[in-house]
Structures are given as structure tokens and as C-alpha cells.
C-alpha atoms as a PDB file:
ATOM      1  CA  MET A   1     -51.093 -15.341 -57.952  1.00  0.00           C
ATOM      2  CA  LYS A   2     -52.541 -12.959 -55.351  1.00  0.00           C
ATOM      3  CA  LYS A   3     -50.335 -15.190 -52.870  1.00  0.00           C
ATOM      4  CA  THR A   4     -47.515 -14.205 -54.860  1.00  0.00           C
ATOM      5  CA  ILE A   5     -47.600 -10.311 -54.451  1.00  0.00           C
ATOM      6  CA  THR A   6     -48.677 -10.723 -51.029  1.00  0.00           C
ATOM      7  CA  SER A   7     -45.291 -12.681 -50.373  1.00  0.00           C
ATOM      8  CA  ILE A   8     -43.270 -10.486 -52.526  1.00  0.00           C
ATOM      9  CA  LEU A   9     -44.930  -6.996 -50.869  1.00  0.00           C
ATOM     10  CA  ALA A  10     -43.873  -8.803 -47.463  1.00  0.00           C
ATOM     11  CA  LEU A  11     -40.437  -9.751 -48.248  1.00  0.00           C
ATOM     12  CA  VAL A  12     -39.993  -6.025 -49.536  1.00  0.00           C
ATOM     13  CA  CYS A  13     -41.435  -4.802 -46.087  1.00  0.00           C
ATOM     14  CA  LEU A  14     -38.691  -6.710 -44.070  1.00  0.00           C
ATOM     15  CA  CYS A  15     -36.070  -5.667 -46.591  1.00  0.00           C
ATOM     16  CA  MET A  16     -37.067  -1.988 -46.224  1.00  0.00           C
ATOM     17  CA  THR A  17     -37.316  -2.645 -41.925  1.00  0.00           C
ATOM     18  CA  ALA A  18     -33.813  -3.944 -42.038  1.00  0.00           C
ATOM     19  CA  TYR A  19     -32.826  -1.273 -43.720  1.00  0.00           C
ATOM     20  CA  ARG A  20     -34.344   1.163 -40.950  1.00  0.00           C
ATOM     21  CA  LEU A  21     -32.259  -0.737 -38.655  1.00  0.00           C
ATOM     22  CA  ALA A  22     -29.106  -0.319 -39.827  1.00  0.00           C
ATOM     23  CA  GLU A  23     -28.727   3.303 -40.770  1.00  0.00           C
ATOM     24  CA  TYR A  24     -29.523   5.013 -37.192  1.00  0.00           C
ATOM     25  CA  PRO A  25     -26.662   5.970 -34.472  1.00  0.00           C
ATOM     26  CA  GLY A  26     -26.507   2.556 -32.236  1.00  0.00           C
ATOM     27  CA  THR A  27     -24.107   0.169 -30.904  1.00  0.00           C
ATOM     28  CA  GLU A  28     -24.101  -3.759 -29.950  1.00  0.00           C
ATOM     29  CA  ILE A  29     -23.279  -5.200 -26.646  1.00  0.00           C
ATOM     30  CA  THR A  30     -22.283  -8.985 -25.412  1.00  0.00           C
ATOM     31  CA  ASN A  31     -21.513 -10.870 -22.401  1.00  0.00           C
ATOM     32  CA  GLY A  32     -20.853 -14.135 -23.963  1.00  0.00           C
ATOM     33  CA  ILE A  33     -24.614 -14.955 -23.336  1.00  0.00           C
ATOM     34  CA  ILE A  34     -26.776 -12.371 -24.855  1.00  0.00           C
ATOM     35  CA  GLN A  35     -26.305 -10.198 -27.436  1.00  0.00           C
ATOM     36  CA  ALA A  36     -28.253  -7.021 -27.865  1.00  0.00           C
ATOM     37  CA  LYS A  37     -28.333  -3.958 -30.045  1.00  0.00           C
ATOM     38  CA  LEU A  38     -29.389  -0.627 -28.973  1.00  0.00           C
ATOM     39  CA  TYR A  39     -30.353   2.528 -30.476  1.00  0.00           C
ATOM     40  CA  LEU A  40     -28.483   5.945 -29.309  1.00  0.00           C
ATOM     41  CA  PRO A  41     -29.924   9.212 -28.635  1.00  0.00           C
ATOM     42  CA  ASP A  42     -29.583  11.856 -31.559  1.00  0.00           C
ATOM     43  CA  ALA A  43     -31.550  14.881 -32.193  1.00  0.00           C
ATOM     44  CA  SER A  44     -30.939  14.779 -35.743  1.00  0.00           C
ATOM     45  CA  SER A  45     -30.322  11.276 -36.871  1.00  0.00           C
ATOM     46  CA  GLY A  46     -31.390   9.070 -33.970  1.00  0.00           C
ATOM     47  CA  TYR A  47     -33.902   6.090 -34.920  1.00  0.00           C
ATOM     48  CA  TYR A  48     -36.542   7.429 -32.003  1.00  0.00           C
ATOM     49  CA  ARG A  49     -36.764  11.729 -31.516  1.00  0.00           C
ATOM     50  CA  GLY A  50     -40.648  11.345 -29.891  1.00  0.00           C
ATOM     51  CA  THR A  51     -41.897  13.061 -27.057  1.00  0.00           C
ATOM     52  CA  ARG A  52     -43.203  10.341 -25.312  1.00  0.00           C
ATOM     53  CA  PHE A  53     -40.667   7.811 -24.024  1.00  0.00           C
ATOM     54  CA  ASP A  54     -36.837   8.648 -22.591  1.00  0.00           C
ATOM     55  CA  TRP A  55     -34.903   8.450 -25.311  1.00  0.00           C
ATOM     56  CA  SER A  56     -32.203   6.313 -23.546  1.00  0.00           C
ATOM     57  CA  GLY A  57     -32.319   2.251 -23.827  1.00  0.00           C
ATOM     58  CA  VAL A  58     -34.491   1.812 -27.201  1.00  0.00           C
ATOM     59  CA  VAL A  59     -33.323  -2.344 -27.792  1.00  0.00           C
ATOM     60  CA  PRO A  60     -34.537  -3.448 -31.549  1.00  0.00           C
ATOM     61  CA  SER A  61     -33.060  -6.547 -31.142  1.00  0.00           C
ATOM     62  CA  LEU A  62     -31.961  -8.821 -28.383  1.00  0.00           C
ATOM     63  CA  GLU A  63     -30.753 -12.401 -28.199  1.00  0.00           C
ATOM     64  CA  TYR A  64     -30.234 -15.458 -25.964  1.00  0.00           C
ATOM     65  CA  LYS A  65     -29.914 -19.344 -26.646  1.00  0.00           C
ATOM     66  CA  GLY A  66     -31.323 -18.753 -30.215  1.00  0.00           C
ATOM     67  CA  HIS A  67     -34.489 -17.060 -29.128  1.00  0.00           C
ATOM     68  CA  SER A  68     -35.253 -13.236 -29.678  1.00  0.00           C
ATOM     69  CA  TYR A  69     -36.706 -11.005 -27.368  1.00  0.00           C
ATOM     70  CA  PHE A  70     -37.588  -7.845 -29.272  1.00  0.00           C
ATOM     71  CA  GLY A  71     -38.366  -6.311 -32.274  1.00  0.00           C
ATOM     72  CA  VAL A  72     -40.178  -3.800 -34.446  1.00  0.00           C
ATOM     73  CA  TRP A  73     -43.393  -4.432 -33.669  1.00  0.00           C
ATOM     74  CA  ASN A  74     -45.157  -1.281 -35.712  1.00  0.00           C
ATOM     75  CA  ALA A  75     -43.348  -2.019 -38.778  1.00  0.00           C
ATOM     76  CA  ALA A  76     -46.371  -0.457 -41.039  1.00  0.00           C
ATOM     77  CA  THR A  77     -45.484   3.148 -40.008  1.00  0.00           C
ATOM     78  CA  TYR A  78     -42.584   4.791 -39.389  1.00  0.00           C
ATOM     79  CA  ASP A  79     -41.731   8.312 -38.336  1.00  0.00           C
ATOM     80  CA  PRO A  80     -39.110   9.183 -35.820  1.00  0.00           C
ATOM     81  CA  LYS A  81     -41.429  11.115 -34.378  1.00  0.00           C
ATOM     82  CA  LEU A  82     -44.270   9.129 -33.743  1.00  0.00           C
ATOM     83  CA  HIS A  83     -45.064   7.568 -30.335  1.00  0.00           C
ATOM     84  CA  ASP A  84     -44.818   3.966 -31.753  1.00  0.00           C
ATOM     85  CA  ALA A  85     -41.292   4.615 -33.417  1.00  0.00           C
ATOM     86  CA  ILE A  86     -40.310   2.736 -30.399  1.00  0.00           C
ATOM     87  CA  THR A  87     -39.115  -0.853 -29.328  1.00  0.00           C
ATOM     88  CA  GLY A  88     -37.265  -3.017 -26.636  1.00  0.00           C
ATOM     89  CA  PRO A  89     -37.810  -2.341 -22.589  1.00  0.00           C
ATOM     90  CA  VAL A  90     -38.322   0.934 -22.843  1.00  0.00           C
ATOM     91  CA  GLU A  91     -39.446   4.248 -19.995  1.00  0.00           C
ATOM     92  CA  GLU A  92     -41.652   6.785 -19.719  1.00  0.00           C
ATOM     93  CA  PHE A  93     -42.044   9.363 -17.249  1.00  0.00           C
ATOM     94  CA  THR A  94     -45.234  11.140 -16.776  1.00  0.00           C
ATOM     95  CA  PRO A  95     -44.614  14.936 -17.292  1.00  0.00           C
ATOM     96  CA  LEU A  96     -43.875  17.406 -14.795  1.00  0.00           C
ATOM     97  CA  ASN A  97     -45.659  20.996 -14.220  1.00  0.00           C
ATOM     98  CA  PHE A  98     -47.964  20.021 -17.292  1.00  0.00           C
ATOM     99  CA  ASP A  99     -51.309  20.659 -15.131  1.00  0.00           C
ATOM    100  CA  ASP A 100     -50.340  24.184 -13.639  1.00  0.00           C
ATOM    101  CA  ALA A 101     -48.491  25.479 -17.268  1.00  0.00           C
ATOM    102  CA  LYS A 102     -50.821  27.695 -19.376  1.00  0.00           C
ATOM    103  CA  THR A 103     -51.089  27.400 -22.959  1.00  0.00           C
ATOM    104  CA  GLY A 104     -47.917  28.677 -24.537  1.00  0.00           C
ATOM    105  CA  GLU A 105     -45.953  27.665 -21.435  1.00  0.00           C
ATOM    106  CA  GLN A 106     -43.070  24.772 -20.524  1.00  0.00           C
ATOM    107  CA  PHE A 107     -43.397  21.724 -18.964  1.00  0.00           C
ATOM    108  CA  VAL A 108     -40.814  18.967 -18.643  1.00  0.00           C
ATOM    109  CA  LYS A 109     -40.386  15.229 -19.361  1.00  0.00           C
ATOM    110  CA  ILE A 110     -37.495  13.767 -18.205  1.00  0.00           C
ATOM    111  CA  GLY A 111     -35.410  12.184 -20.750  1.00  0.00           C
ATOM    112  CA  VAL A 112     -36.732  13.877 -23.197  1.00  0.00           C
ATOM    113  CA  GLY A 113     -36.660  17.671 -22.466  1.00  0.00           C
ATOM    114  CA  VAL A 114     -38.504  20.656 -21.879  1.00  0.00           C
ATOM    115  CA  LEU A 115     -41.471  20.924 -23.662  1.00  0.00           C
ATOM    116  CA  VAL A 116     -44.339  23.372 -24.788  1.00  0.00           C
ATOM    117  CA  LYS A 117     -47.825  23.167 -23.881  1.00  0.00           C
ATOM    118  CA  PRO A 118     -49.915  23.992 -27.177  1.00  0.00           C
ATOM    119  CA  ASP A 119     -53.021  24.403 -25.624  1.00  0.00           C
ATOM    120  CA  ASP A 120     -55.764  23.564 -22.506  1.00  0.00           C
ATOM    121  CA  LYS A 121     -56.303  20.324 -23.375  1.00  0.00           C
ATOM    122  CA  LYS A 122     -55.399  17.228 -21.190  1.00  0.00           C
ATOM    123  CA  TYR A 123     -51.982  15.480 -21.633  1.00  0.00           C
ATOM    124  CA  SER A 124     -51.738  12.725 -23.876  1.00  0.00           C
ATOM    125  CA  PHE A 125     -48.603  10.632 -25.004  1.00  0.00           C
ATOM    126  CA  ALA A 126     -49.581  10.426 -28.852  1.00  0.00           C
ATOM    127  CA  THR A 127     -48.804  14.238 -29.203  1.00  0.00           C
ATOM    128  CA  ASN A 128     -46.425  15.314 -30.473  1.00  0.00           C
ATOM    129  CA  TYR A 129     -45.108  18.524 -28.296  1.00  0.00           C
ATOM    130  CA  GLU A 130     -42.569  20.701 -29.488  1.00  0.00           C
ATOM    131  CA  VAL A 131     -39.660  20.392 -27.984  1.00  0.00           C
ATOM    132  CA  GLN A 132     -38.117  23.693 -26.397  1.00  0.00           C
ATOM    133  CA  ASN A 133     -34.666  22.539 -24.743  1.00  0.00           C
ATOM    134  CA  GLN A 134     -33.513  18.759 -25.516  1.00  0.00           C
ATOM    135  CA  GLY A 135     -31.121  19.294 -22.904  1.00  0.00           C
ATOM    136  CA  LYS A 136     -27.383  17.323 -23.161  1.00  0.00           C
ATOM    137  CA  TRP A 137     -27.020  13.841 -23.760  1.00  0.00           C
ATOM    138  CA  THR A 138     -23.758  11.842 -23.091  1.00  0.00           C
ATOM    139  CA  VAL A 139     -22.936   8.256 -23.910  1.00  0.00           C
ATOM    140  CA  LYS A 140     -20.639   5.908 -22.742  1.00  0.00           C
ATOM    141  CA  LYS A 141     -19.979   2.550 -24.930  1.00  0.00           C
ATOM    142  CA  HIS A 142     -18.544  -0.807 -23.442  1.00  0.00           C
ATOM    143  CA  LYS A 143     -18.460  -4.227 -24.634  1.00  0.00           C
ATOM    144  CA  ASP A 144     -21.198  -5.092 -22.079  1.00  0.00           C
ATOM    145  CA  ARG A 145     -23.080  -1.639 -21.250  1.00  0.00           C
ATOM    146  CA  VAL A 146     -24.142   1.647 -22.023  1.00  0.00           C
ATOM    147  CA  GLU A 147     -24.247   4.279 -19.846  1.00  0.00           C
ATOM    148  CA  PHE A 148     -26.686   7.236 -20.870  1.00  0.00           C
ATOM    149  CA  THR A 149     -26.809  10.425 -18.914  1.00  0.00           C
ATOM    150  CA  HIS A 150     -29.281  13.249 -19.665  1.00  0.00           C
ATOM    151  CA  GLU A 151     -28.442  16.466 -18.269  1.00  0.00           C
ATOM    152  CA  LEU A 152     -30.905  19.509 -18.536  1.00  0.00           C
ATOM    153  CA  LYS A 153     -31.087  23.126 -16.839  1.00  0.00           C
ATOM    154  CA  ASP A 154     -33.615  25.004 -17.869  1.00  0.00           C
ATOM    155  CA  LYS A 155     -35.568  28.403 -16.366  1.00  0.00           C
ATOM    156  CA  THR A 156     -38.783  26.323 -15.596  1.00  0.00           C
ATOM    157  CA  GLY A 157     -36.745  25.945 -12.335  1.00  0.00           C
ATOM    158  CA  TYR A 158     -36.925  21.736 -13.272  1.00  0.00           C
ATOM    159  CA  ALA A 159     -33.186  20.755 -13.792  1.00  0.00           C
ATOM    160  CA  TYR A 160     -31.282  17.188 -13.451  1.00  0.00           C
ATOM    161  CA  ILE A 161     -28.934  14.779 -14.234  1.00  0.00           C
ATOM    162  CA  TYR A 162     -30.682  11.633 -15.253  1.00  0.00           C
ATOM    163  CA  THR A 163     -28.259   8.156 -15.624  1.00  0.00           C
ATOM    164  CA  LYS A 164     -29.565   5.092 -17.353  1.00  0.00           C
ATOM    165  CA  ILE A 165     -27.225   1.803 -17.834  1.00  0.00           C
ATOM    166  CA  LEU A 166     -28.045  -0.853 -19.765  1.00  0.00           C
ATOM    167  CA  ARG A 167     -26.198  -3.567 -18.160  1.00  0.00           C
ATOM    168  CA  LEU A 168     -25.799  -7.128 -19.216  1.00  0.00           C
ATOM    169  CA  VAL A 169     -24.490  -8.954 -16.113  1.00  0.00           C
ATOM    170  CA  LYS A 170     -21.685 -11.163 -16.082  1.00  0.00           C
ATOM    171  CA  ASP A 171     -22.077 -14.511 -16.539  1.00  0.00           C
ATOM    172  CA  LYS A 172     -25.939 -14.601 -16.296  1.00  0.00           C
ATOM    173  CA  PRO A 173     -28.600 -14.313 -18.727  1.00  0.00           C
ATOM    174  CA  GLU A 174     -29.457 -11.073 -17.185  1.00  0.00           C
ATOM    175  CA  LEU A 175     -29.636  -7.300 -18.444  1.00  0.00           C
ATOM    176  CA  MET A 176     -29.728  -4.777 -15.578  1.00  0.00           C
ATOM    177  CA  LEU A 177     -31.038  -1.217 -15.683  1.00  0.00           C
ATOM    178  CA  GLU A 178     -29.947   0.855 -13.573  1.00  0.00           C
ATOM    179  CA  HIS A 179     -31.160   4.218 -12.655  1.00  0.00           C
ATOM    180  CA  SER A 180     -30.237   7.910 -10.806  1.00  0.00           C
ATOM    181  CA  LEU A 181     -31.983  10.734 -10.699  1.00  0.00           C
ATOM    182  CA  LYS A 182     -30.279  13.862  -8.974  1.00  0.00           C
ATOM    183  CA  ASN A 183     -32.345  17.071  -8.639  1.00  0.00           C
ATOM    184  CA  THR A 184     -30.103  19.690  -9.497  1.00  0.00           C
ATOM    185  CA  GLY A 185     -32.982  22.121  -9.844  1.00  0.00           C
ATOM    186  CA  THR A 186     -35.032  24.415  -7.269  1.00  0.00           C
ATOM    187  CA  LYS A 187     -38.426  22.351  -7.598  1.00  0.00           C
ATOM    188  CA  ASP A 188     -39.285  19.522  -6.181  1.00  0.00           C
ATOM    189  CA  ILE A 189     -39.323  16.666  -9.020  1.00  0.00           C
ATOM    190  CA  ALA A 190     -42.551  14.401  -8.551  1.00  0.00           C
ATOM    191  CA  THR A 191     -43.067  11.750 -11.497  1.00  0.00           C
ATOM    192  CA  SER A 192     -43.954   8.327 -12.028  1.00  0.00           C
ATOM    193  CA  THR A 193     -42.086   5.643 -14.222  1.00  0.00           C
ATOM    194  CA  TYR A 194     -42.730   2.636 -16.507  1.00  0.00           C
ATOM    195  CA  ASN A 195     -41.556   0.192 -18.761  1.00  0.00           C
ATOM    196  CA  HIS A 196     -43.863  -0.026 -21.578  1.00  0.00           C
ATOM    197  CA  ASN A 197     -42.150  -4.023 -22.502  1.00  0.00           C
ATOM    198  CA  PHE A 198     -42.303  -4.425 -25.748  1.00  0.00           C
ATOM    199  CA  PHE A 199     -41.522  -7.765 -26.063  1.00  0.00           C
ATOM    200  CA  MET A 200     -42.132 -10.106 -29.164  1.00  0.00           C
ATOM    201  CA  ILE A 201     -40.665 -13.514 -27.409  1.00  0.00           C
ATOM    202  CA  ASP A 202     -39.943 -14.887 -30.826  1.00  0.00           C
ATOM    203  CA  LYS A 203     -41.778 -12.551 -32.849  1.00  0.00           C
ATOM    204  CA  GLU A 204     -44.811 -14.944 -31.693  1.00  0.00           C
ATOM    205  CA  PRO A 205     -48.860 -12.813 -32.271  1.00  0.00           C
ATOM    206  CA  SER A 206     -50.576 -12.353 -29.316  1.00  0.00           C
ATOM    207  CA  ASN A 207     -52.000 -15.694 -28.896  1.00  0.00           C
ATOM    208  CA  GLN A 208     -52.293 -18.407 -26.605  1.00  0.00           C
ATOM    209  CA  ASN A 209     -48.769 -19.150 -26.769  1.00  0.00           C
ATOM    210  CA  ILE A 210     -47.990 -15.827 -25.123  1.00  0.00           C
ATOM    211  CA  ARG A 211     -49.133 -15.956 -20.808  1.00  0.00           C
ATOM    212  CA  ILE A 212     -48.094 -13.250 -18.522  1.00  0.00           C
ATOM    213  CA  LYS A 213     -47.573 -14.590 -14.850  1.00  0.00           C
ATOM    214  CA  PHE A 214     -47.442 -12.863 -11.410  1.00  0.00           C
ATOM    215  CA  PRO A 215     -46.576 -13.673  -7.962  1.00  0.00           C
ATOM    216  CA  PHE A 216     -50.400 -12.820  -6.817  1.00  0.00           C
ATOM    217  CA  ASP A 217     -53.594 -13.429  -7.859  1.00  0.00           C
ATOM    218  CA  VAL A 218     -54.219 -10.826 -10.716  1.00  0.00           C
ATOM    219  CA  ALA A 219     -57.405  -9.380 -11.427  1.00  0.00           C
ATOM    220  CA  GLY A 220     -58.500  -7.072 -14.493  1.00  0.00           C
ATOM    221  CA  GLU A 221     -61.293  -5.556 -16.292  1.00  0.00           C
ATOM    222  CA  GLY A 222     -60.591  -3.441 -19.420  1.00  0.00           C
ATOM    223  CA  LYS A 223     -61.179  -3.787 -22.821  1.00  0.00           C
ATOM    224  CA  GLY A 224     -60.960  -7.117 -24.215  1.00  0.00           C
ATOM    225  CA  PHE A 225     -60.468  -8.549 -20.785  1.00  0.00           C
ATOM    226  CA  GLY A 226     -63.024 -11.544 -20.105  1.00  0.00           C
ATOM    227  CA  THR A 227     -63.634 -11.856 -24.026  1.00  0.00           C
ATOM    228  CA  ILE A 228     -59.722 -12.053 -25.929  1.00  0.00           C
ATOM    229  CA  ILE A 229     -57.636 -12.569 -22.500  1.00  0.00           C
ATOM    230  CA  ASN A 230     -58.700 -13.826 -18.822  1.00  0.00           C
ATOM    231  CA  ALA A 231     -57.270 -12.997 -15.651  1.00  0.00           C
ATOM    232  CA  LYS A 232     -57.217 -16.498 -13.633  1.00  0.00           C
ATOM    233  CA  ASP A 233     -55.357 -16.988 -10.645  1.00  0.00           C
ATOM    234  CA  LYS A 234     -51.870 -15.849 -10.714  1.00  0.00           C
ATOM    235  CA  THR A 235     -51.973 -16.051 -14.888  1.00  0.00           C
ATOM    236  CA  LEU A 236     -52.960 -13.583 -17.741  1.00  0.00           C
ATOM    237  CA  SER A 237     -53.838 -16.103 -20.705  1.00  0.00           C
ATOM    238  CA  TYR A 238     -55.282 -15.369 -24.131  1.00  0.00           C
ATOM    239  CA  ALA A 239     -58.580 -16.952 -25.351  1.00  0.00           C
ATOM    240  CA  ARG A 240     -57.635 -16.227 -29.050  1.00  0.00           C
ATOM    241  CA  GLU A 241     -55.284 -14.325 -30.967  1.00  0.00           C
ATOM    242  CA  VAL A 242     -55.701 -10.495 -31.176  1.00  0.00           C
ATOM    243  CA  VAL A 243     -56.260  -9.181 -34.815  1.00  0.00           C
ATOM    244  CA  LYS A 244     -55.862  -5.805 -36.333  1.00  0.00           C
ATOM    245  CA  GLY A 245     -59.047  -3.733 -34.655  1.00  0.00           C
ATOM    246  CA  ASP A 246     -59.130  -5.686 -31.184  1.00  0.00           C
ATOM    247  CA  GLN A 247     -58.319  -3.550 -28.131  1.00  0.00           C
ATOM    248  CA  VAL A 248     -56.654  -5.107 -25.327  1.00  0.00           C
ATOM    249  CA  PHE A 249     -56.036  -2.655 -22.530  1.00  0.00           C
ATOM    250  CA  SER A 250     -56.505  -2.528 -18.576  1.00  0.00           C
ATOM    251  CA  SER A 251     -55.707   0.721 -16.788  1.00  0.00           C
ATOM    252  CA  GLY A 252     -55.464  -1.212 -13.570  1.00  0.00           C
ATOM    253  CA  LEU A 253     -54.522  -4.770 -12.905  1.00  0.00           C
ATOM    254  CA  GLN A 254     -55.252  -5.707  -9.158  1.00  0.00           C
ATOM    255  CA  GLY A 255     -53.974  -8.436  -6.396  1.00  0.00           C
ATOM    256  CA  PHE A 256     -50.346  -6.569  -6.048  1.00  0.00           C
ATOM    257  CA  GLY A 257     -49.159  -5.678  -2.477  1.00  0.00           C
ATOM    258  CA  PRO A 258     -47.272  -2.702  -0.978  1.00  0.00           C
ATOM    259  CA  THR A 259     -43.471  -4.152  -1.495  1.00  0.00           C
ATOM    260  CA  ALA A 260     -40.888  -4.720  -3.974  1.00  0.00           C
ATOM    261  CA  LYS A 261     -41.526  -8.301  -4.080  1.00  0.00           C
ATOM    262  CA  ASP A 262     -44.766  -8.062  -6.091  1.00  0.00           C
ATOM    263  CA  TYR A 263     -42.799  -6.050  -8.879  1.00  0.00           C
ATOM    264  CA  ASP A 264     -41.984  -9.887 -10.321  1.00  0.00           C
ATOM    265  CA  ILE A 265     -43.529 -10.433 -13.787  1.00  0.00           C
ATOM    266  CA  ARG A 266     -42.926 -13.258 -16.309  1.00  0.00           C
ATOM    267  CA  ILE A 267     -43.726 -13.356 -19.742  1.00  0.00           C
ATOM    268  CA  GLU A 268     -43.337 -16.666 -21.562  1.00  0.00           C
ATOM    269  CA  ASN A 269     -43.856 -18.305 -24.961  1.00  0.00           C
ATOM    270  CA  VAL A 270     -45.221 -21.580 -24.460  1.00  0.00           C
ATOM    271  CA  LYS A 271     -44.502 -22.995 -28.052  1.00  0.00           C
ATOM    272  CA  THR A 272     -40.710 -22.289 -28.256  1.00  0.00           C
ATOM    273  CA  ASN A 273     -40.218 -22.103 -24.169  1.00  0.00           C
ATOM    274  CA  ALA A 274     -38.025 -18.816 -23.955  1.00  0.00           C
ATOM    275  CA  GLY A 275     -39.295 -16.191 -21.427  1.00  0.00           C
ATOM    276  CA  VAL A 276     -38.234 -13.565 -19.356  1.00  0.00           C
ATOM    277  CA  ARG A 277     -38.931 -12.420 -16.006  1.00  0.00           C
ATOM    278  CA  ILE A 278     -38.712  -8.731 -15.036  1.00  0.00           C
ATOM    279  CA  THR A 279     -37.854  -7.915 -10.831  1.00  0.00           C
ATOM    280  CA  ALA A 280     -36.963  -4.312  -9.470  1.00  0.00           C
ATOM    281  CA  ASP A 281     -36.101  -3.241  -6.482  1.00  0.00           C
ATOM    282  CA  GLN A 282     -39.419  -0.572  -6.113  1.00  0.00           C
ATOM    283  CA  PRO A 283     -42.893  -1.541  -4.820  1.00  0.00           C
ATOM    284  CA  LEU A 284     -45.671  -1.020  -7.598  1.00  0.00           C
ATOM    285  CA  GLU A 285     -47.836   2.142  -8.159  1.00  0.00           C
ATOM    286  CA  LYS A 286     -49.658   0.503 -10.726  1.00  0.00           C
ATOM    287  CA  LEU A 287     -49.692  -2.513 -13.310  1.00  0.00           C
ATOM    288  CA  VAL A 288     -51.133  -1.565 -16.555  1.00  0.00           C
ATOM    289  CA  TYR A 289     -51.751  -3.805 -19.508  1.00  0.00           C
ATOM    290  CA  TRP A 290     -51.967  -3.514 -23.126  1.00  0.00           C
ATOM    291  CA  ALA A 291     -51.716  -5.470 -26.179  1.00  0.00           C
ATOM    292  CA  CYS A 292     -51.719  -5.403 -29.947  1.00  0.00           C
ATOM    293  CA  PRO A 293     -51.594  -8.635 -32.553  1.00  0.00           C
ATOM    294  CA  THR A 294     -47.925  -8.183 -32.325  1.00  0.00           C
ATOM    295  CA  THR A 295     -46.667  -8.087 -29.033  1.00  0.00           C
ATOM    296  CA  SER A 296     -47.995  -7.839 -25.448  1.00  0.00           C
ATOM    297  CA  CYS A 297     -46.967  -5.284 -22.626  1.00  0.00           C
ATOM    298  CA  PRO A 298     -47.263  -5.496 -19.147  1.00  0.00           C
ATOM    299  CA  GLU A 299     -46.615  -1.845 -17.871  1.00  0.00           C
ATOM    300  CA  PRO A 300     -45.449  -1.758 -14.397  1.00  0.00           C
ATOM    301  CA  TYR A 301     -45.191   2.253 -12.915  1.00  0.00           C
ATOM    302  CA  ILE A 302     -43.256   3.129 -10.041  1.00  0.00           C
ATOM    303  CA  LYS A 303     -43.790   6.428  -8.299  1.00  0.00           C
ATOM    304  CA  LEU A 304     -40.499   8.636  -7.290  1.00  0.00           C
ATOM    305  CA  ALA A 305     -39.494  11.950  -5.531  1.00  0.00           C
ATOM    306  CA  ALA A 306     -37.096  14.006  -5.699  1.00  0.00           C
ATOM    307  CA  LYS A 307     -36.138  17.117  -3.555  1.00  0.00           C
ATOM    308  CA  PRO A 308     -33.778  19.778  -4.781  1.00  0.00           C
ATOM    309  CA  GLY A 309     -30.050  18.439  -4.295  1.00  0.00           C
ATOM    310  CA  GLN A 310     -31.220  14.882  -3.742  1.00  0.00           C
ATOM    311  CA  GLU A 311     -30.171  11.769  -5.654  1.00  0.00           C
ATOM    312  CA  ILE A 312     -32.683   8.521  -5.943  1.00  0.00           C
ATOM    313  CA  LYS A 313     -31.901   5.419  -7.320  1.00  0.00           C
ATOM    314  CA  TRP A 314     -34.044   2.704  -8.999  1.00  0.00           C
ATOM    315  CA  ASN A 315     -32.815  -0.502 -10.752  1.00  0.00           C
ATOM    316  CA  ILE A 316     -34.950  -3.424 -13.008  1.00  0.00           C
ATOM    317  CA  ASN A 317     -33.781  -6.757 -13.831  1.00  0.00           C
ATOM    318  CA  TYR A 318     -33.891  -8.650 -17.026  1.00  0.00           C
ATOM    319  CA  GLU A 319     -33.495 -12.451 -16.628  1.00  0.00           C
ATOM    320  CA  PHE A 320     -34.287 -14.420 -19.943  1.00  0.00           C
ATOM    321  CA  TYR A 321     -34.377 -17.643 -19.760  1.00  0.00           C
ATOM    322  CA  THR A 322     -35.893 -21.406 -21.506  1.00  0.00           C
ATOM    323  CA  PHE A 323     -38.111 -24.179 -20.045  1.00  0.00           C
END
């Protein structure tokens, strides 16, 4: 009887999650090889309306050769302003002017807008900061790509035109994230950005079937390292399944060099023989790792800087494969 009730509750939760996925502004893209669903930025009805992550490029579903790569990893609790209410290869920019701003003054997060600093505490990504200026989002939808543009003008002196294109490469099992950032303000922009990479390959839990590979000998310390997960040679591998209550986190994996060739990360499910290779045209600034029971996330950082009038560009590529 207990198992029956548990099964019913799980089914109800799954149905509610599926319903949520269908009720928010979104679109689908395909190149005939990959099929993907995307959520679109919307201040009143968007799936994600938090202040941690860039609002563009939220991907609840991507499929290749019958394998799934993304999904709702935090299905237990949902709030559009919750920082965990996010899916896919989503990005965050470190805040501009936060340390210099006084209580009640403004700071900027690219892809989010102008926010209000509520007190003298350090910046916390989990805080739902008040949004004072959301900027303007423009979205152009195509069969194989979606183009997002976020334009911000504000009295803080920070202003920009940020464009991100999620494009499925013609005739290849690849997703390209193409970025450009033009500084249209009076202040220098200096920030870092990273992709959280909320992968759920075939919905496999974080366990011995998931491995993360690098082109360099990786070393790492932190919560769960040496007990739940091990860094050996060029691979992170699990010693056991990550269960509720576990902490797996390293604020800085080591071993990479100063060139873009080390921005080369593979995440594989050895149970279903499906994987993804992540590369970029920029060198790594930092490499964080985080995992919970449902998702395993290498978080590669890059450093960005643009003076007034300057435009900078960078690309991240996702190559999906089976083995």
C-alpha cells in the first residue's frame, strides 16, 4: 500500500511538472539531428524570473539520437524567482558595482537588469534582489536558432547591448552559444561569466555511471571530494551515488593552463553511452564543480572586459555524441 501511494504521488508530481513546462512562453528549434525546447524571457509570465542567471537560453529539453540531456533537476519546489528554477546550459555574470554600491543603491547584472542592494551584506546569488530596471528583451525565432538581445540603459552609467544566439549547427549534432556584448555606457565593464551546465543525461542520477573528463590532470578539494567523488588523472568519477543531504562542491578545480585548449570538458553517461563535449574560444579563468542527486555540473568561468564603445564576442560549443 505504501509503495502504491508513493507511486501515485510520483506520477502526480511528474504530471504537474509536465504541465508547468507547457504553460510558459517558449519555442522549439531543430536542425534535423537535434530537437530542443527553449523558454523565452518574459517579466510577467516567464518560466525563470530570478536575479541570479541570465534570462536567455533556458533549455528544458534537448534530444539527440533518443537520448535526453536536460530536464527539471529541482522538481520538488518551483517559484519563477527561485534561483534553482532554471534548466539547461544557463549562464550567470558576476555583478557590476556591487561592492561600491551603498545600501539602497543600484548594481547591475548582465542579462537581468539593474538591481537594488538591500543591505551591507556580501553579494549572494541566492538572494532575490529587487529589480529596478529590467531593460528591454528582443527575441527573434528561427527554425534552427533563437536570437536574444538584452538592451540596458541606466543612470548608473552602465549600459550595454547583450546578444546571445542559441544555434543548432547545420548537419552536425552541435549547439552553439554565440555571444556579443557592446558597452554603450560611460563606465568600463569588467565581469566574469560561467555556464552552470545543468546536465541530466538520460535522467541518470549523480552516481558511478556519470563521469566528467578533461584534457588535463585535474585536481580538486572541497565538500565530497575524496569520499563521494574522486579527481584522478583527467577524470572526475563518483565513488557512490549522491543522495539527499550530500554536499559535492569545489570552488576551484586545478590543472588547466592559460589557453582556450583546456576549456574542453566531457560529461558522459557510461550506462547509456551518451555524452557531450563542451569547448569555447576563451581560456578558463576558474573551474567550479557542483552536484546534487539529480545533476552534475562543471562550471567553467571566463573573464570579460569592455571599455565604453567596445564590443566583445565569445562562443561556447556543445557537441553531443554516443559511444
